[in-house]
Amino acid sequence: SIPVGWLFFQGFMNHMFPGLFHRRVHIVTACIAGLFAVIVLLTPSWISIATVIPLQAFLVLATLWVLLSLLRGVRNKRSGTVIILIGYLLLVGTVINDIIFSMFAVGTVFLVQFGLVGFILLQSLLLSSRVSHTRRTAERLSVNLQREVEKKTRRITEQHAALKRLNNRLAQVNRKKTNFFVSLAHETRTPLT
């Protein structure tokens, strides 16, 4: 049913652009769509038919809300909102065409399937763009990490060599000290003649 489809669509859009859609509006529209879904699925058809006009009004308002949110995302230069906005307008345009066509007001054909395919293709474009960007970022970070590891390894190796030299020097000083004390002890035990 359309309300269930709206729930999934709204969840998808919220997942694609977290923070773009106001949380309270998102919750309210999800609750309203859920209510319409329950009415359509669990009540007799005469009750469902009586809710068609309110459902259509809700869908128009929800569609405008998504459109305004996407426009706000474009204005704020959110990554990917232009592509999704184009796909969304394509989908909404074909839905409007089909509604008008079903009322015999225009002499076109049903186009929603083409709008849906266009929307899905543009989503695929956006997702592949995001994956590509993520891969490039991961490669860049990996190279930076490798450089940092090499730099730290060189530094540790240099410090290790310096500590080894210092340890050898201390061992040498310790041997001289021991020899000095051995000689001193020997001289103090030997009487002066």
Protein backbone atom coordinates (compact mmCIF):
# COMPACT_ATOMS: atom_id res chain seq x y z
CA SER A 1 0.00 0.00 0.00
CA ILE A 2 1.07 3.59 -0.54
CA PRO A 3 1.44 4.49 3.17
CA VAL A 4 3.78 1.54 3.74
CA GLY A 5 5.78 2.58 0.68
CA TRP A 6 6.00 6.10 2.07
CA LEU A 7 7.35 4.74 5.37
CA PHE A 8 10.15 2.91 3.57
CA PHE A 9 10.86 5.86 1.29
CA GLN A 10 11.03 8.27 4.23
CA GLY A 11 13.32 5.91 6.15
CA PHE A 12 15.58 5.59 3.10
CA MET A 13 15.80 9.36 2.61
CA ASN A 14 16.53 9.89 6.31
CA HIS A 15 19.26 7.24 6.13
CA MET A 16 20.83 8.77 3.00
CA PHE A 17 20.86 12.29 4.46
CA PRO A 18 20.97 12.11 8.25
CA GLY A 19 20.10 15.41 9.89
CA LEU A 20 18.61 16.91 6.72
CA PHE A 21 15.03 16.14 7.70
CA HIS A 22 13.71 17.59 10.95
CA ARG A 23 13.39 14.79 13.47
CA ARG A 24 9.96 15.78 14.82
CA VAL A 25 8.47 16.15 11.35
CA HIS A 26 10.00 12.80 10.42
CA ILE A 27 8.41 11.13 13.46
CA VAL A 28 5.02 12.77 12.89
CA THR A 29 4.89 11.84 9.20
CA ALA A 30 5.99 8.28 10.01
CA CYS A 31 3.20 7.99 12.59
CA ILE A 32 0.59 9.38 10.19
CA ALA A 33 1.75 7.07 7.37
CA GLY A 34 1.68 4.15 9.82
CA LEU A 35 -1.86 5.07 10.86
CA PHE A 36 -3.00 5.15 7.23
CA ALA A 37 -1.27 1.80 6.62
CA VAL A 38 -3.10 0.24 9.58
CA ILE A 39 -6.41 1.66 8.35
CA VAL A 40 -5.86 0.32 4.82
CA LEU A 41 -4.69 -3.09 5.98
CA LEU A 42 -7.00 -3.78 8.92
CA THR A 43 -10.32 -2.09 8.21
CA PRO A 44 -13.13 -2.84 5.74
CA SER A 45 -12.75 -1.36 2.28
CA TRP A 46 -15.48 1.28 2.78
CA ILE A 47 -13.42 2.79 5.64
CA SER A 48 -10.23 2.65 3.56
CA ILE A 49 -12.00 4.36 0.66
CA ALA A 50 -13.20 7.11 3.00
CA THR A 51 -9.56 7.87 3.91
CA VAL A 52 -8.35 8.33 0.32
CA ILE A 53 -8.74 12.14 0.29
CA PRO A 54 -6.99 12.64 3.66
CA LEU A 55 -4.26 10.21 2.53
CA GLN A 56 -3.75 12.16 -0.68
CA ALA A 57 -3.60 15.44 1.26
CA PHE A 58 -1.05 13.91 3.62
CA LEU A 59 1.06 12.62 0.72
CA VAL A 60 1.02 16.04 -0.97
CA LEU A 61 2.19 17.71 2.23
CA ALA A 62 4.81 15.03 2.88
CA THR A 63 6.04 15.31 -0.71
CA LEU A 64 6.40 19.07 -0.34
CA TRP A 65 8.21 18.58 2.98
CA VAL A 66 10.76 16.24 1.34
CA LEU A 67 11.13 18.66 -1.58
CA LEU A 68 11.77 21.62 0.74
CA SER A 69 14.22 19.58 2.81
CA LEU A 70 16.14 18.57 -0.32
CA LEU A 71 16.18 22.19 -1.51
CA ARG A 72 17.57 23.20 1.90
CA GLY A 73 20.23 20.51 1.48
CA VAL A 74 21.14 21.87 -1.96
CA ARG A 75 21.34 25.41 -0.55
CA ASN A 76 23.62 24.16 2.27
CA LYS A 77 25.73 22.27 -0.29
CA ARG A 78 25.06 18.83 1.23
CA SER A 79 26.81 16.17 -0.80
CA GLY A 80 24.49 14.29 -3.14
CA THR A 81 21.34 16.34 -2.59
CA VAL A 82 21.35 17.72 -6.15
CA ILE A 83 21.35 14.22 -7.65
CA ILE A 84 18.59 12.98 -5.35
CA LEU A 85 16.58 16.18 -5.91
CA ILE A 86 16.66 15.61 -9.67
CA GLY A 87 15.57 11.98 -9.20
CA TYR A 88 12.87 13.01 -6.73
CA LEU A 89 11.48 15.65 -9.10
CA LEU A 90 11.50 13.06 -11.89
CA LEU A 91 9.59 10.59 -9.72
CA VAL A 92 7.11 13.16 -8.42
CA GLY A 93 6.57 14.52 -11.93
CA THR A 94 5.73 11.09 -13.30
CA VAL A 95 3.39 10.37 -10.37
CA ILE A 96 1.56 13.66 -11.02
CA ASN A 97 1.36 12.77 -14.71
CA ASP A 98 -0.16 9.39 -13.86
CA ILE A 99 -2.70 10.92 -11.49
CA ILE A 100 -3.78 13.45 -14.12
CA PHE A 101 -3.78 10.73 -16.82
CA SER A 102 -5.97 8.46 -14.69
CA MET A 103 -8.51 11.32 -14.49
CA PHE A 104 -8.48 11.47 -18.31
CA ALA A 105 -7.27 15.07 -18.14
CA VAL A 106 -4.18 14.58 -20.35
CA GLY A 107 -3.48 12.35 -23.30
CA THR A 108 -0.19 10.86 -22.10
CA VAL A 109 0.59 7.37 -20.83
CA PHE A 110 1.46 5.98 -17.40
CA LEU A 111 5.05 7.05 -16.73
CA VAL A 112 5.65 6.29 -13.05
CA GLN A 113 7.71 3.20 -13.83
CA PHE A 114 10.13 5.37 -15.83
CA GLY A 115 10.28 7.91 -13.02
CA LEU A 116 11.01 5.15 -10.53
CA VAL A 117 13.76 3.68 -12.72
CA GLY A 118 15.26 7.16 -13.15
CA PHE A 119 15.14 7.76 -9.41
CA ILE A 120 16.81 4.39 -8.73
CA LEU A 121 19.51 5.05 -11.34
CA LEU A 122 20.29 8.43 -9.81
CA GLN A 123 20.44 6.81 -6.36
CA SER A 124 22.88 4.27 -7.78
CA LEU A 125 24.96 7.11 -9.18
CA LEU A 126 25.00 8.81 -5.80
CA LEU A 127 25.87 5.62 -3.93
CA SER A 128 28.67 4.72 -6.34
CA SER A 129 30.01 8.27 -6.01
CA ARG A 130 29.98 7.95 -2.22
CA VAL A 131 31.69 4.55 -2.35
CA SER A 132 34.34 5.92 -4.72
CA HIS A 133 34.93 8.91 -2.44
CA THR A 134 35.16 6.62 0.59
CA ARG A 135 37.67 4.39 -1.20
CA ARG A 136 39.83 7.37 -2.20
CA THR A 137 39.71 8.67 1.38
CA ALA A 138 40.67 5.24 2.74
CA GLU A 139 43.60 5.02 0.30
CA ARG A 140 44.79 8.50 1.24
CA LEU A 141 44.53 7.72 4.95
CA SER A 142 46.34 4.41 4.41
CA VAL A 143 49.23 6.18 2.65
CA ASN A 144 49.38 8.79 5.42
CA LEU A 145 49.34 6.06 8.06
CA GLN A 146 52.11 4.17 6.25
CA ARG A 147 54.26 7.34 6.12
CA GLU A 148 53.63 7.96 9.81
CA VAL A 149 54.54 4.36 10.68
CA GLU A 150 57.76 4.61 8.66
CA LYS A 151 58.63 7.93 10.30
CA LYS A 152 58.00 6.55 13.80
CA THR A 153 59.94 3.36 12.96
CA ARG A 154 62.95 5.43 11.85
CA ARG A 155 62.74 7.50 15.00
CA ILE A 156 62.50 4.43 17.22
CA THR A 157 65.43 2.81 15.36
CA GLU A 158 67.52 5.95 15.85
CA GLN A 159 66.59 6.10 19.53
CA HIS A 160 67.41 2.41 19.91
CA ALA A 161 70.84 2.93 18.32
CA ALA A 162 71.46 5.96 20.56
CA LEU A 163 70.46 3.98 23.66
CA LYS A 164 72.69 1.10 22.58
CA ARG A 165 75.67 3.48 22.20
CA LEU A 166 74.87 5.01 25.59
CA ASN A 167 74.56 1.57 27.16
CA ASN A 168 77.98 0.55 25.71
CA ARG A 169 79.50 3.77 27.03
CA LEU A 170 77.97 3.15 30.48
CA ALA A 171 79.30 -0.43 30.45
CA GLN A 172 82.77 0.92 29.60
CA VAL A 173 82.58 3.53 32.40
CA ASN A 174 81.34 0.81 34.77
CA ARG A 175 84.34 -1.42 33.89
CA LYS A 176 86.76 1.50 34.49
CA LYS A 177 85.06 2.21 37.82
CA THR A 178 85.31 -1.45 38.83
CA ASN A 179 88.98 -1.56 37.81
CA PHE A 180 89.62 1.63 39.77
CA PHE A 181 88.00 0.23 42.92
CA VAL A 182 89.82 -3.09 42.52
CA SER A 183 93.14 -1.21 42.22
CA LEU A 184 92.25 1.03 45.16
CA ALA A 185 91.30 -1.96 47.31
CA HIS A 186 94.54 -3.68 46.35
CA GLU A 187 96.60 -0.61 47.16
CA THR A 188 94.88 -0.12 50.53
CA ARG A 189 95.61 -3.70 51.51
CA THR A 190 99.23 -3.52 50.48
CA PRO A 191 101.46 -1.87 53.16
CA LEU A 192 103.64 1.03 52.19
CA THR A 193 107.33 0.17 52.37
